[in-house]
Amino acid sequence: MVGQIFNMQEHWPASILLWALCAAAGLWWLRDQFQQICLMLLAPAWLICEWSYRASLYRGSNVYLSRMIAVIAVVYLTAFVRSRLVVVFGALFGVAAIALLVTTIFLTDGWGRWFNREMPALPLHLRLIAIVVMVLAIGAGWVWERRSLLPAILVTGMVFALPWLQTTVNETNEFSHQKWTRTEPSVLAYVLVGAACIGLAWWGVRARSRAVVNYGVAMFAVTVAWFYFSSLMDKLGRSLGLIGLGILFLLGGWLLERVRRRLMLQMRDAARTEAEA
């Protein structure tokens, strides 16, 4: 496996495949959680790398790449909530939580960052392959945990809509008076991300997963702060913007913590009721 590193220059995704096969062999021989974690991270990584290798020369490829990673991430967030393999769940949840956050940020930039008119459009067959990978990931999550289908569909809808939710901003340089236009996420984009976070937290309550509830609440707080910094703070002025920031952190943090604790109590009461029944 180490020797194949020198062959990565020829076709580097093949090395990822080799590592995934080695992890599969290790899982078959050793039956331990470490090999399972390696396999479950390397197998989708190989699919994504193979697709990216063939699509990197086309415009819009990074948008579809981010969509695939986000869908696989939400499956890993929700499909192992009842798993007794605590190490596997913790590792996959941590990687998926970071991946979903990063890809969401990329997708809110829309098509502008990745759109180069000099590059050819992404072929239809590569788009279909990306969609098939996402469908297979959702199907695998449904097999592991049937209740994971709802959050997977929710996040899939979000990642397909986000690149289109852009607004055009006209700016002028105060010294040279040069004008230019740029795009930024619209208010609807932040609303959609916030709604997805609320949906994840609600699903976590239904699935009695403290990790998913905490993640949904934390990501909702990040979304609100992100919207304030990017869209409101500059328009309020420096003094008023800093005052609003303090109010947002103090009052918003207090309200979110109250909501989070109330959700935890609901989960605890529901579990106690089931145990008594």
Protein backbone atom coordinates (compact mmCIF):
# COMPACT_ATOMS: atom_id res chain seq x y z
CA MET A 1 0.00 0.00 0.00
CA VAL A 2 2.84 2.38 0.82
CA GLY A 3 4.62 1.44 -2.41
CA GLN A 4 1.61 2.48 -4.50
CA ILE A 5 2.03 6.07 -3.33
CA PHE A 6 4.63 6.47 -6.07
CA ASN A 7 2.02 5.57 -8.70
CA MET A 8 -0.39 8.33 -7.63
CA GLN A 9 0.91 10.66 -10.32
CA GLU A 10 -0.46 8.37 -13.04
CA HIS A 11 -3.99 8.09 -11.66
CA TRP A 12 -4.22 9.21 -8.06
CA PRO A 13 -7.84 8.00 -7.34
CA ALA A 14 -6.64 4.43 -7.89
CA SER A 15 -4.50 4.77 -4.76
CA ILE A 16 -7.61 5.69 -2.77
CA LEU A 17 -9.26 2.56 -4.14
CA LEU A 18 -6.25 0.47 -3.09
CA TRP A 19 -6.39 1.86 0.43
CA ALA A 20 -10.16 1.15 0.56
CA LEU A 21 -9.56 -2.46 -0.52
CA CYS A 22 -6.87 -2.83 2.13
CA ALA A 23 -9.32 -1.48 4.73
CA ALA A 24 -11.94 -3.99 3.52
CA ALA A 25 -9.42 -6.82 3.87
CA GLY A 26 -8.47 -5.57 7.33
CA LEU A 27 -12.12 -5.49 8.37
CA TRP A 28 -12.65 -9.03 7.07
CA TRP A 29 -9.63 -10.34 8.98
CA LEU A 30 -9.69 -8.27 12.17
CA ARG A 31 -13.37 -7.34 12.61
CA ASP A 32 -12.48 -4.19 14.51
CA GLN A 33 -13.98 -0.71 14.50
CA PHE A 34 -10.85 1.02 13.21
CA GLN A 35 -10.90 -0.93 9.95
CA GLN A 36 -14.62 -0.25 9.59
CA ILE A 37 -14.05 3.49 9.99
CA CYS A 38 -11.28 3.43 7.37
CA LEU A 39 -13.45 1.51 4.92
CA MET A 40 -16.49 3.73 5.38
CA LEU A 41 -14.41 6.86 4.83
CA LEU A 42 -12.25 5.57 1.98
CA ALA A 43 -14.99 3.90 -0.10
CA PRO A 44 -17.03 7.07 -0.71
CA ALA A 45 -13.78 9.04 -0.96
CA TRP A 46 -12.73 6.85 -3.89
CA LEU A 47 -16.04 7.38 -5.69
CA ILE A 48 -15.83 11.13 -5.17
CA CYS A 49 -12.18 11.28 -6.26
CA GLU A 50 -12.84 9.26 -9.42
CA TRP A 51 -15.72 11.55 -10.34
CA SER A 52 -13.69 14.66 -9.54
CA TYR A 53 -10.76 13.41 -11.63
CA ARG A 54 -12.97 13.17 -14.71
CA ALA A 55 -15.01 16.33 -14.07
CA SER A 56 -12.32 18.78 -12.98
CA LEU A 57 -12.00 20.31 -16.47
CA TYR A 58 -15.68 21.32 -16.64
CA ARG A 59 -17.41 24.33 -15.14
CA GLY A 60 -19.80 23.64 -12.30
CA SER A 61 -18.02 20.44 -11.29
CA ASN A 62 -17.21 21.70 -7.80
CA VAL A 63 -20.87 22.42 -7.15
CA TYR A 64 -21.82 18.82 -7.88
CA LEU A 65 -18.79 17.64 -5.90
CA SER A 66 -19.95 19.62 -2.86
CA ARG A 67 -23.46 18.23 -3.27
CA MET A 68 -22.22 14.65 -3.22
CA ILE A 69 -20.09 15.22 -0.13
CA ALA A 70 -22.95 16.96 1.69
CA VAL A 71 -25.43 14.14 1.00
CA ILE A 72 -22.97 11.46 2.12
CA ALA A 73 -22.20 13.57 5.21
CA VAL A 74 -25.85 13.83 6.31
CA VAL A 75 -26.24 10.06 5.85
CA TYR A 76 -23.27 9.48 8.16
CA LEU A 77 -24.72 12.00 10.63
CA THR A 78 -28.04 10.22 10.96
CA ALA A 79 -27.73 6.58 9.91
CA PHE A 80 -25.68 5.39 12.90
CA VAL A 81 -27.51 7.07 15.78
CA ARG A 82 -28.59 3.68 17.18
CA SER A 83 -25.33 1.89 16.48
CA ARG A 84 -23.68 0.16 19.42
CA LEU A 85 -20.28 0.82 17.85
CA VAL A 86 -19.59 4.03 19.71
CA VAL A 87 -16.18 4.62 18.15
CA VAL A 88 -17.52 4.20 14.62
CA PHE A 89 -20.42 6.56 15.28
CA GLY A 90 -18.17 9.18 16.90
CA ALA A 91 -15.59 9.17 14.11
CA LEU A 92 -18.12 9.24 11.27
CA PHE A 93 -20.21 11.88 13.01
CA GLY A 94 -17.21 14.16 13.54
CA VAL A 95 -16.01 13.90 9.93
CA ALA A 96 -19.54 14.30 8.56
CA ALA A 97 -20.28 17.32 10.75
CA ILE A 98 -17.26 19.21 9.41
CA ALA A 99 -17.88 18.08 5.81
CA LEU A 100 -21.52 19.22 5.86
CA LEU A 101 -20.60 22.63 7.25
CA VAL A 102 -17.81 23.24 4.74
CA THR A 103 -19.79 22.09 1.70
CA THR A 104 -22.76 24.24 2.71
CA ILE A 105 -20.50 27.29 2.82
CA PHE A 106 -19.15 26.44 -0.63
CA LEU A 107 -22.62 25.99 -2.08
CA THR A 108 -23.85 29.34 -0.76
CA ASP A 109 -21.28 30.99 -3.03
CA GLY A 110 -23.41 29.82 -5.93
CA TRP A 111 -22.11 29.14 -9.41
CA GLY A 112 -20.08 32.32 -9.63
CA ARG A 113 -16.86 31.13 -8.03
CA TRP A 114 -16.77 27.94 -10.07
CA PHE A 115 -18.28 29.34 -13.27
CA ASN A 116 -15.72 29.98 -15.98
CA ARG A 117 -17.21 30.56 -19.43
CA GLU A 118 -13.96 29.44 -21.05
CA MET A 119 -14.44 25.95 -19.65
CA PRO A 120 -16.91 23.51 -21.25
CA ALA A 121 -20.15 22.72 -19.44
CA LEU A 122 -20.34 19.66 -17.24
CA PRO A 123 -21.52 16.73 -19.43
CA LEU A 124 -24.87 15.16 -18.73
CA HIS A 125 -23.44 11.72 -17.96
CA LEU A 126 -21.22 13.14 -15.19
CA ARG A 127 -24.21 14.93 -13.67
CA LEU A 128 -26.21 11.72 -13.76
CA ILE A 129 -23.37 9.77 -12.14
CA ALA A 130 -23.22 12.35 -9.33
CA ILE A 131 -26.98 12.04 -8.80
CA VAL A 132 -26.72 8.24 -8.78
CA VAL A 133 -23.99 8.42 -6.10
CA MET A 134 -26.25 10.62 -3.98
CA VAL A 135 -29.22 8.27 -4.44
CA LEU A 136 -27.07 5.26 -3.50
CA ALA A 137 -25.85 7.06 -0.37
CA ILE A 138 -29.42 7.87 0.66
CA GLY A 139 -30.47 4.27 -0.05
CA ALA A 140 -27.61 2.88 2.03
CA GLY A 141 -28.60 5.19 4.88
CA TRP A 142 -32.20 3.98 4.61
CA VAL A 143 -30.99 0.37 4.90
CA TRP A 144 -28.92 1.14 8.02
CA GLU A 145 -31.50 3.40 9.64
CA ARG A 146 -34.85 3.92 7.94
CA ARG A 147 -35.55 7.13 9.79
CA SER A 148 -32.46 8.73 8.22
CA LEU A 149 -34.36 9.08 4.94
CA LEU A 150 -36.13 12.29 6.01
CA PRO A 151 -33.04 14.37 6.94
CA ALA A 152 -31.22 13.04 3.88
CA ILE A 153 -34.01 14.27 1.59
CA LEU A 154 -34.11 17.58 3.46
CA VAL A 155 -30.38 18.24 3.02
CA THR A 156 -30.47 17.03 -0.58
CA GLY A 157 -33.13 19.59 -1.39
CA MET A 158 -31.08 22.26 0.36
CA VAL A 159 -27.83 21.55 -1.50
CA PHE A 160 -29.59 21.53 -4.88
CA ALA A 161 -31.31 24.85 -4.18
CA LEU A 162 -28.47 26.80 -2.54
CA PRO A 163 -26.34 27.60 -5.64
CA TRP A 164 -29.35 29.30 -7.24
CA LEU A 165 -30.25 31.49 -4.25
CA GLN A 166 -27.99 34.42 -5.10
CA THR A 167 -28.44 38.17 -5.24
CA THR A 168 -26.44 40.62 -7.37
CA VAL A 169 -24.62 43.46 -5.60
CA ASN A 170 -23.30 46.56 -7.40
CA GLU A 171 -20.23 48.15 -5.83
CA THR A 172 -18.11 51.22 -6.59
CA ASN A 173 -14.54 51.92 -5.53
CA GLU A 174 -14.56 55.19 -3.57
CA PHE A 175 -11.14 56.21 -4.91
CA SER A 176 -11.12 55.13 -8.56
CA HIS A 177 -14.93 55.14 -8.93
CA GLN A 178 -14.63 51.84 -10.76
CA LYS A 179 -17.85 49.83 -10.74
CA TRP A 180 -18.28 46.09 -10.62
CA THR A 181 -20.90 43.52 -9.72
CA ARG A 182 -20.69 40.45 -7.56
CA THR A 183 -23.06 37.87 -6.18
CA GLU A 184 -23.70 36.89 -2.60
CA PRO A 185 -26.16 34.58 -0.83
CA SER A 186 -29.68 35.96 -0.69
CA VAL A 187 -31.76 36.13 2.47
CA LEU A 188 -33.63 33.07 1.25
CA ALA A 189 -30.37 31.09 1.25
CA TYR A 190 -29.83 31.80 4.96
CA VAL A 191 -33.47 30.98 5.67
CA LEU A 192 -33.11 27.66 3.86
CA VAL A 193 -29.95 26.72 5.78
CA GLY A 194 -31.56 27.74 9.07
CA ALA A 195 -34.64 25.66 8.26
CA ALA A 196 -32.42 22.66 7.50
CA CYS A 197 -30.70 23.09 10.88
CA ILE A 198 -34.06 23.22 12.64
CA GLY A 199 -35.13 20.13 10.73
CA LEU A 200 -32.02 18.26 11.86
CA ALA A 201 -32.60 19.26 15.49
CA TRP A 202 -36.26 18.20 15.28
CA TRP A 203 -35.25 14.88 13.73
CA GLY A 204 -32.69 14.40 16.49
CA VAL A 205 -35.44 14.77 19.08
CA ARG A 206 -37.59 12.20 17.27
CA ALA A 207 -34.61 9.83 16.98
CA ARG A 208 -33.49 10.59 20.56
CA SER A 209 -29.99 11.52 19.41
CA ARG A 210 -28.35 14.15 21.62
CA ALA A 211 -25.50 14.53 19.14
CA VAL A 212 -27.81 15.43 16.23
CA VAL A 213 -29.84 17.83 18.39
CA ASN A 214 -26.71 19.61 19.60
CA TYR A 215 -25.35 19.76 16.05
CA GLY A 216 -28.58 21.20 14.65
CA VAL A 217 -28.78 23.86 17.35
CA ALA A 218 -25.10 24.78 16.98
CA MET A 219 -25.36 25.05 13.19
CA PHE A 220 -28.46 27.23 13.52
CA ALA A 221 -26.46 29.58 15.78
CA VAL A 222 -23.62 29.62 13.22
CA THR A 223 -26.10 30.43 10.44
CA VAL A 224 -27.59 33.37 12.35
CA ALA A 225 -24.14 34.74 13.19
CA TRP A 226 -23.01 34.23 9.60
CA PHE A 227 -26.03 36.16 8.29
CA TYR A 228 -25.39 38.99 10.74
CA PHE A 229 -21.71 39.34 9.85
CA SER A 230 -22.18 39.08 6.09
CA SER A 231 -25.43 40.96 5.52
CA LEU A 232 -26.33 43.19 8.48
CA MET A 233 -23.27 44.37 10.37
CA ASP A 234 -21.84 46.55 7.56
CA LYS A 235 -25.18 48.25 7.00
CA LEU A 236 -25.66 49.21 10.66
CA GLY A 237 -22.42 51.12 11.11
CA ARG A 238 -19.51 50.26 13.37
CA SER A 239 -20.97 51.27 16.76
CA LEU A 240 -24.48 50.01 16.19
CA GLY A 241 -23.12 46.87 14.57
CA LEU A 242 -20.99 46.03 17.61
CA ILE A 243 -23.91 46.69 19.95
CA GLY A 244 -26.10 44.41 17.87
CA LEU A 245 -23.37 41.78 17.91
CA GLY A 246 -23.28 41.81 21.70
CA ILE A 247 -27.07 41.54 21.89
CA LEU A 248 -27.02 38.70 19.37
CA PHE A 249 -24.44 36.72 21.33
CA LEU A 250 -26.00 37.29 24.76
CA LEU A 251 -29.71 37.15 24.03
CA GLY A 252 -29.49 34.72 21.13
CA GLY A 253 -27.17 32.39 23.02
CA TRP A 254 -29.46 32.43 26.05
CA LEU A 255 -32.55 31.66 23.96
CA LEU A 256 -30.85 28.86 22.02
CA GLU A 257 -29.58 27.26 25.21
CA ARG A 258 -33.10 27.33 26.67
CA VAL A 259 -34.46 25.69 23.53
CA ARG A 260 -31.70 23.08 23.57
CA ARG A 261 -32.37 22.17 27.20
CA ARG A 262 -36.09 21.94 26.55
CA LEU A 263 -35.45 19.56 23.66
CA MET A 264 -33.22 17.43 25.87
CA LEU A 265 -35.96 17.26 28.51
CA GLN A 266 -38.47 16.17 25.89
CA MET A 267 -36.14 13.40 24.79
CA ARG A 268 -35.62 12.29 28.37
CA ASP A 269 -39.35 12.28 29.15
CA ALA A 270 -40.14 10.34 25.99
CA ALA A 271 -37.50 7.74 26.78
CA ARG A 272 -38.80 7.42 30.35
CA THR A 273 -42.38 6.98 29.11
CA GLU A 274 -41.32 4.23 26.72
CA ALA A 275 -39.35 2.48 29.48
CA GLU A 276 -42.37 2.53 31.81
CA ALA A 277 -44.66 1.26 29.05
